[in-house]
């Protein structure tokens, strides 16, 4: 048996925030942020921000409704919420989304930073192959704008949080079921190295800093994180493609987590993929965490870049760190 992506959808908040507007919100009393720094360092141009009262579950539900409208609520056997963000620590955000969608199936959360959705796809694949479920709806909502710190104390602090200015908000939904043709997932591999977990964090909200409000914002050592990703992803990705039995030159598109414009160049150089094969949405949406891969697939499909029968390599990159490779025919 082989599973496939039966349907995919996305939701984008209406508000578009350009680099200049974003930096105008930052406290710059003690120093000045150089003009154009986000474009030079990351290649970002704009991103979407949700409304203040718009929840993670709202964006996930808005994306899911587009699929449910076509397939019907009764066909969904399992609902999985997979994201870096959540509405609450308790209960699972999937419960809230289940209520908003009016579903009666079992539900659960899967959390693996920016690899949450691809990890959920891997999990759904196993559930379907085991015969437990037939139609699994994976939903995602990322409200990363809440993790941006605008009150910068000094240049050292700025360096820790600068990458947060590339973050954006979005919702996505993916329906996974058994394939009845040549489409679907042909190979999946996944690895982690927890020794690098400190390189990219939102420290607050858990047992380490349960009441420290200053820890509720994104912090990252981007240079060190990029170096660790290159070390682990290079050999892993190349070997995963070899293990799939596919020829690299025959892969039509590469879809990876959108961290910066430089990410595509680094991955292309380290894995041997041609840069023009990468689907790039970073300049439009910024870093949307686990929404970025399904969001890129929706974008490529709507723009007719991605067509039925195309071969895809999905490369997941997540803090923690984790790397995944999934080979599929669209």
Protein backbone atom coordinates (compact mmCIF):
# COMPACT_ATOMS: atom_id res chain seq x y z
CA UNK A 1 0.00 0.00 0.00
CA UNK A 2 1.10 3.57 -0.71
CA UNK A 3 -0.41 6.74 0.78
CA UNK A 4 -0.81 10.07 -0.97
CA UNK A 5 -1.79 13.69 -0.48
CA UNK A 6 -5.42 13.60 -1.59
CA UNK A 7 -6.01 17.31 -1.04
CA UNK A 8 -4.20 20.33 0.38
CA UNK A 9 -5.29 23.85 1.33
CA UNK A 10 -3.99 27.00 2.98
CA UNK A 11 -5.25 30.09 4.76
CA UNK A 12 -3.40 33.41 4.84
CA UNK A 13 -4.31 36.34 7.11
CA UNK A 14 -5.25 39.52 5.24
CA UNK A 15 -2.60 41.81 6.75
CA UNK A 16 0.60 42.04 4.72
CA UNK A 17 3.57 43.45 6.66
CA UNK A 18 6.65 44.64 4.77
CA UNK A 19 10.15 44.86 6.27
CA UNK A 20 9.96 48.63 6.78
CA UNK A 21 6.67 48.49 8.68
CA UNK A 22 7.93 45.67 10.88
CA UNK A 23 11.14 47.44 11.85
CA UNK A 24 9.21 50.64 12.57
CA UNK A 25 7.57 48.78 15.47
CA UNK A 26 10.93 48.01 17.11
CA UNK A 27 12.19 50.09 20.01
CA UNK A 28 15.38 51.70 18.66
CA UNK A 29 16.09 54.23 21.41
CA UNK A 30 19.49 52.77 22.31
CA UNK A 31 20.63 52.02 18.73
CA UNK A 32 19.47 52.11 15.14
CA UNK A 33 18.78 49.02 13.05
CA UNK A 34 20.44 49.48 9.64
CA UNK A 35 17.96 50.11 6.85
CA UNK A 36 17.43 47.12 4.57
CA UNK A 37 19.10 44.66 6.95
CA UNK A 38 16.34 42.03 6.68
CA UNK A 39 16.57 42.01 2.91
CA UNK A 40 20.36 41.76 2.94
CA UNK A 41 20.66 39.08 5.63
CA UNK A 42 17.61 36.95 4.93
CA UNK A 43 16.11 38.05 1.61
CA UNK A 44 12.74 38.70 3.21
CA UNK A 45 10.28 41.23 1.79
CA UNK A 46 6.93 40.68 3.47
CA UNK A 47 4.90 38.31 5.62
CA UNK A 48 1.31 37.89 6.87
CA UNK A 49 0.18 38.77 10.40
CA UNK A 50 -3.01 37.44 11.95
CA UNK A 51 -5.44 39.67 13.82
CA UNK A 52 -4.92 39.98 17.57
CA UNK A 53 -8.05 37.95 18.32
CA UNK A 54 -7.34 35.38 15.58
CA UNK A 55 -6.16 32.14 17.15
CA UNK A 56 -3.90 29.38 15.87
CA UNK A 57 -6.96 27.11 15.79
CA UNK A 58 -8.88 29.66 13.69
CA UNK A 59 -6.26 29.63 10.92
CA UNK A 60 -6.03 25.83 10.97
CA UNK A 61 -9.81 25.53 10.82
CA UNK A 62 -10.07 28.01 7.94
CA UNK A 63 -7.67 25.88 5.89
CA UNK A 64 -9.38 22.62 6.89
CA UNK A 65 -12.85 23.87 5.96
CA UNK A 66 -11.82 24.03 2.30
CA UNK A 67 -11.10 20.28 2.30
CA UNK A 68 -14.03 19.25 4.48
CA UNK A 69 -16.39 21.14 2.17
CA UNK A 70 -15.34 18.77 -0.63
CA UNK A 71 -15.03 15.44 1.18
CA UNK A 72 -17.59 15.78 3.99
CA UNK A 73 -17.14 15.62 7.78
CA UNK A 74 -18.18 11.98 8.02
CA UNK A 75 -15.23 10.84 5.88
CA UNK A 76 -12.56 12.12 8.31
CA UNK A 77 -11.31 9.26 10.53
CA UNK A 78 -8.59 11.12 12.44
CA UNK A 79 -7.70 14.78 12.97
CA UNK A 80 -4.06 15.66 13.68
CA UNK A 81 -2.97 19.17 14.62
CA UNK A 82 0.72 19.60 13.78
CA UNK A 83 2.45 22.91 14.47
CA UNK A 84 5.12 24.74 16.41
CA UNK A 85 2.40 27.02 17.86
CA UNK A 86 -0.72 26.20 19.87
CA UNK A 87 -3.73 27.91 21.39
CA UNK A 88 -2.96 26.68 24.90
CA UNK A 89 -0.57 24.38 26.72
CA UNK A 90 -3.59 22.32 27.83
CA UNK A 91 -5.70 20.89 26.23
CA UNK A 92 -4.47 19.76 22.83
CA UNK A 93 -5.21 22.35 20.14
CA UNK A 94 -6.73 19.57 18.02
CA UNK A 95 -9.61 19.43 20.52
CA UNK A 96 -10.35 23.11 19.93
CA UNK A 97 -10.17 22.70 16.15
CA UNK A 98 -12.36 19.60 16.32
CA UNK A 99 -15.01 21.67 18.11
CA UNK A 100 -14.77 24.51 15.57
CA UNK A 101 -15.05 22.10 12.63
CA UNK A 102 -17.83 20.00 14.16
CA UNK A 103 -15.92 16.73 13.73
CA UNK A 104 -16.60 13.59 15.80
CA UNK A 105 -13.44 11.61 14.92
CA UNK A 106 -10.50 11.06 17.31
CA UNK A 107 -7.92 13.85 17.39
CA UNK A 108 -4.39 14.49 18.63
CA UNK A 109 -1.51 16.97 18.51
CA UNK A 110 1.94 16.28 17.04
CA UNK A 111 4.64 18.82 17.85
CA UNK A 112 8.07 18.78 16.23
CA UNK A 113 8.94 22.45 15.65
CA UNK A 114 9.10 23.33 11.94
CA UNK A 115 8.92 19.64 11.00
CA UNK A 116 5.55 19.13 12.71
CA UNK A 117 3.54 18.69 9.50
CA UNK A 118 6.01 16.39 7.75
CA UNK A 119 6.27 14.32 10.94
CA UNK A 120 2.46 14.12 11.03
CA UNK A 121 2.46 12.94 7.40
CA UNK A 122 4.95 10.21 8.32
CA UNK A 123 2.69 9.21 11.22
CA UNK A 124 -0.47 9.29 9.10
CA UNK A 125 1.24 7.05 6.55
CA UNK A 126 1.83 4.41 9.23
CA UNK A 127 -1.75 4.67 10.56
CA UNK A 128 -3.24 4.17 7.11
CA UNK A 129 -0.92 1.31 6.17
CA UNK A 130 -1.79 -0.44 9.44
CA UNK A 131 -5.48 -0.27 8.53
CA UNK A 132 -6.47 1.76 11.59
CA UNK A 133 -7.66 4.84 9.65
CA UNK A 134 -8.50 5.63 6.02
CA UNK A 135 -8.74 9.43 5.78
CA UNK A 136 -6.51 11.52 8.04
CA UNK A 137 -6.79 15.30 8.10
CA UNK A 138 -3.59 17.07 9.20
CA UNK A 139 -4.19 20.70 10.15
CA UNK A 140 -1.71 23.41 11.01
CA UNK A 141 -1.83 26.96 12.31
CA UNK A 142 1.18 29.15 13.02
CA UNK A 143 0.81 32.52 14.74
CA UNK A 144 4.49 33.34 14.99
CA UNK A 145 3.93 37.09 15.11
CA UNK A 146 3.23 36.65 18.83
CA UNK A 147 6.82 35.44 19.32
CA UNK A 148 8.46 38.60 17.94
CA UNK A 149 10.12 40.84 20.55
CA UNK A 150 9.98 44.55 19.67
CA UNK A 151 11.51 45.80 22.92
CA UNK A 152 15.21 45.33 22.10
CA UNK A 153 17.59 46.11 24.97
CA UNK A 154 20.93 46.26 23.14
CA UNK A 155 22.77 44.96 20.09
CA UNK A 156 23.54 41.64 21.78
CA UNK A 157 19.83 41.12 22.37
CA UNK A 158 19.08 42.15 18.78
CA UNK A 159 21.46 39.49 17.47
CA UNK A 160 19.57 36.78 19.42
CA UNK A 161 16.13 37.80 18.15
CA UNK A 162 16.84 39.25 14.69
CA UNK A 163 15.70 36.08 12.87
CA UNK A 164 12.27 36.50 14.49
CA UNK A 165 11.66 39.48 12.20
CA UNK A 166 11.30 37.02 9.32
CA UNK A 167 8.41 35.14 10.99
CA UNK A 168 4.90 35.11 9.57
CA UNK A 169 1.47 33.59 10.17
CA UNK A 170 -0.50 31.02 8.15
CA UNK A 171 -2.76 27.98 8.32
CA UNK A 172 -2.65 24.80 6.23
CA UNK A 173 -4.47 21.49 5.91
CA UNK A 174 -3.48 18.20 4.26
CA UNK A 175 -5.70 15.17 3.65
CA UNK A 176 -3.82 11.85 3.56
CA UNK A 177 -5.32 8.56 2.32
CA UNK A 178 -4.42 5.45 0.32
CA UNK A 179 -3.26 5.92 -3.25
CA UNK A 180 -5.20 4.32 -6.10
CA UNK A 181 -2.75 5.27 -8.86
CA UNK A 182 0.98 6.02 -9.23
CA UNK A 183 0.78 9.11 -7.01
CA UNK A 184 1.87 9.05 -3.38
CA UNK A 185 4.81 8.62 -1.06
CA UNK A 186 7.51 6.25 -2.27
CA UNK A 187 10.13 6.78 0.43
CA UNK A 188 10.39 8.53 3.81
CA UNK A 189 13.32 8.92 6.21
CA UNK A 190 13.69 10.92 9.41
CA UNK A 191 16.52 11.75 11.86
CA UNK A 192 17.14 13.95 14.89
CA UNK A 193 20.08 15.14 16.96
CA UNK A 194 18.88 16.56 20.27
CA UNK A 195 22.31 17.90 21.18
CA UNK A 196 21.49 21.09 19.26
CA UNK A 197 18.17 21.90 20.94
CA UNK A 198 19.46 25.15 22.51
CA UNK A 199 20.18 26.81 19.13
CA UNK A 200 16.60 27.85 18.40
CA UNK A 201 14.00 28.29 21.14
CA UNK A 202 10.94 30.01 22.53
CA UNK A 203 11.98 29.40 26.16
CA UNK A 204 8.83 30.44 28.05
CA UNK A 205 5.56 28.64 28.68
CA UNK A 206 7.02 25.32 29.85
CA UNK A 207 8.51 23.97 33.07
CA UNK A 208 11.89 25.71 32.60
CA UNK A 209 10.45 29.25 32.68
CA UNK A 210 6.79 28.88 33.67
CA UNK A 211 6.22 32.51 34.75
CA UNK A 212 8.94 34.57 33.05
CA UNK A 213 7.17 36.76 30.48
CA UNK A 214 10.49 37.83 28.93
CA UNK A 215 11.00 34.21 27.77
CA UNK A 216 7.93 34.12 25.52
CA UNK A 217 9.81 35.32 22.43
CA UNK A 218 11.81 33.61 19.72
CA UNK A 219 15.59 33.45 20.16
CA UNK A 220 18.05 31.78 17.85
CA UNK A 221 21.72 31.33 17.08
CA UNK A 222 21.12 31.27 13.34
CA UNK A 223 24.72 30.84 12.21
CA UNK A 224 25.32 27.86 14.48
CA UNK A 225 21.93 26.38 13.59
CA UNK A 226 22.65 26.65 9.86
CA UNK A 227 26.04 24.98 10.31
CA UNK A 228 24.51 22.11 12.30
CA UNK A 229 21.80 21.65 9.67
CA UNK A 230 24.35 21.48 6.86
CA UNK A 231 26.44 18.90 8.71
CA UNK A 232 23.46 16.64 9.37
CA UNK A 233 21.39 17.21 6.24
CA UNK A 234 24.07 16.85 3.57
CA UNK A 235 24.88 13.15 3.91
CA UNK A 236 21.41 12.25 5.21
CA UNK A 237 19.53 13.79 2.26
CA UNK A 238 21.87 12.36 -0.37
CA UNK A 239 21.66 8.87 1.19
CA UNK A 240 17.86 9.07 1.52
CA UNK A 241 17.54 9.78 -2.19
CA UNK A 242 19.83 6.85 -2.98
CA UNK A 243 17.78 4.61 -0.68
CA UNK A 244 14.60 5.63 -2.50
CA UNK A 245 15.97 4.27 -5.77
CA UNK A 246 15.15 7.54 -7.51
CA UNK A 247 17.59 9.36 -9.77
CA UNK A 248 18.20 12.89 -8.51
CA UNK A 249 18.09 14.47 -11.98
CA UNK A 250 14.57 13.07 -12.51
CA UNK A 251 13.15 14.89 -9.48
CA UNK A 252 11.07 17.81 -10.76
CA UNK A 253 10.73 19.93 -7.60
CA UNK A 254 12.36 20.30 -4.20
CA UNK A 255 10.23 21.70 -1.40
CA UNK A 256 11.94 22.56 1.86
CA UNK A 257 11.33 24.56 5.00
CA UNK A 258 11.53 28.28 4.19
CA UNK A 259 14.08 29.87 6.56
CA UNK A 260 15.79 32.42 4.29
CA UNK A 261 16.76 32.93 0.65
CA UNK A 262 20.22 31.66 1.53
CA UNK A 263 18.76 28.33 2.69
CA UNK A 264 18.02 27.25 -0.88
CA UNK A 265 21.59 27.99 -1.95
CA UNK A 266 23.06 26.10 1.01
CA UNK A 267 20.87 23.02 0.50
CA UNK A 268 21.43 23.06 -3.26
CA UNK A 269 25.19 23.23 -2.78
CA UNK A 270 25.31 20.53 -0.12
CA UNK A 271 22.95 18.06 -1.82
CA UNK A 272 23.63 18.64 -5.52
CA UNK A 273 20.11 19.78 -6.43
CA UNK A 274 19.81 22.54 -9.00
CA UNK A 275 18.62 25.77 -7.37
CA UNK A 276 15.87 26.31 -9.95
CA UNK A 277 14.13 23.14 -8.74
CA UNK A 278 13.34 24.69 -5.34
CA UNK A 279 9.90 26.15 -4.70
CA UNK A 280 10.54 29.53 -3.07
CA UNK A 281 7.83 31.42 -1.18
CA UNK A 282 10.04 33.05 1.46
CA UNK A 283 9.84 36.57 0.00
CA UNK A 284 6.02 36.39 0.15
CA UNK A 285 5.37 34.71 3.48
CA UNK A 286 8.65 34.65 5.42
CA UNK A 287 9.29 31.81 7.86
CA UNK A 288 5.93 30.24 8.75
CA UNK A 289 7.44 27.31 10.70
CA UNK A 290 5.64 24.02 10.00
CA UNK A 291 3.20 25.72 7.62
CA UNK A 292 5.96 26.55 5.16
CA UNK A 293 6.18 23.19 3.35
CA UNK A 294 2.43 22.65 2.76
CA UNK A 295 2.08 26.39 2.01
CA UNK A 296 4.76 26.05 -0.68
CA UNK A 297 2.96 23.04 -2.18
CA UNK A 298 -0.30 25.00 -2.38
CA UNK A 299 1.50 27.95 -3.95
CA UNK A 300 3.25 25.76 -6.55
CA UNK A 301 0.02 23.94 -7.36
CA UNK A 302 -2.04 27.11 -7.76
CA UNK A 303 0.64 28.64 -9.99
CA UNK A 304 0.77 25.45 -12.10
CA UNK A 305 4.43 24.93 -11.27
CA UNK A 306 3.46 21.66 -9.61
CA UNK A 307 1.50 19.26 -11.84
CA UNK A 308 0.04 15.78 -11.44
CA UNK A 309 2.71 13.17 -12.04
CA UNK A 310 5.62 15.40 -10.98
CA UNK A 311 8.26 13.90 -8.71
CA UNK A 312 8.92 15.80 -5.47
CA UNK A 313 11.58 15.70 -2.80
CA UNK A 314 10.36 17.24 0.46
CA UNK A 315 13.20 18.20 2.80
CA UNK A 316 12.12 19.03 6.33
CA UNK A 317 14.38 21.06 8.61
CA UNK A 318 13.41 21.69 12.20
CA UNK A 319 14.89 23.08 15.40
CA UNK A 320 15.87 20.45 17.89
CA UNK A 321 17.35 19.56 15.40
CA UNK A 322 15.55 17.25 12.98
CA UNK A 323 15.80 16.48 9.26
CA UNK A 324 13.35 14.53 7.11
CA UNK A 325 13.20 13.45 3.46
CA UNK A 326 9.99 12.38 1.72
CA UNK A 327 9.85 11.33 -1.94
CA UNK A 328 6.48 11.41 -3.66
CA UNK A 329 4.70 11.65 -6.97
CA UNK A 330 2.11 14.43 -7.02
